[in-house]
Amino acid sequence: MEIVTEKDLKNIEEQLKSVVRDQDRFRLIKANANSFISQVNK
């Protein structure tokens, strides 16, 4: 089972392209990481 799929990575990449500020990029990456971690811990 893939935890992070190619589709997930493409979605994150598209979201990052639309974010200008580094602080907001960090929040986006952190939110995605927490989401994947919570899926693993189920």
Foldseek 3Di string as FASTA:
>chain_A
DDLQDPVNVVVLVVVLVPDDDPVVNVVSVVVVVVVSVVVVVD
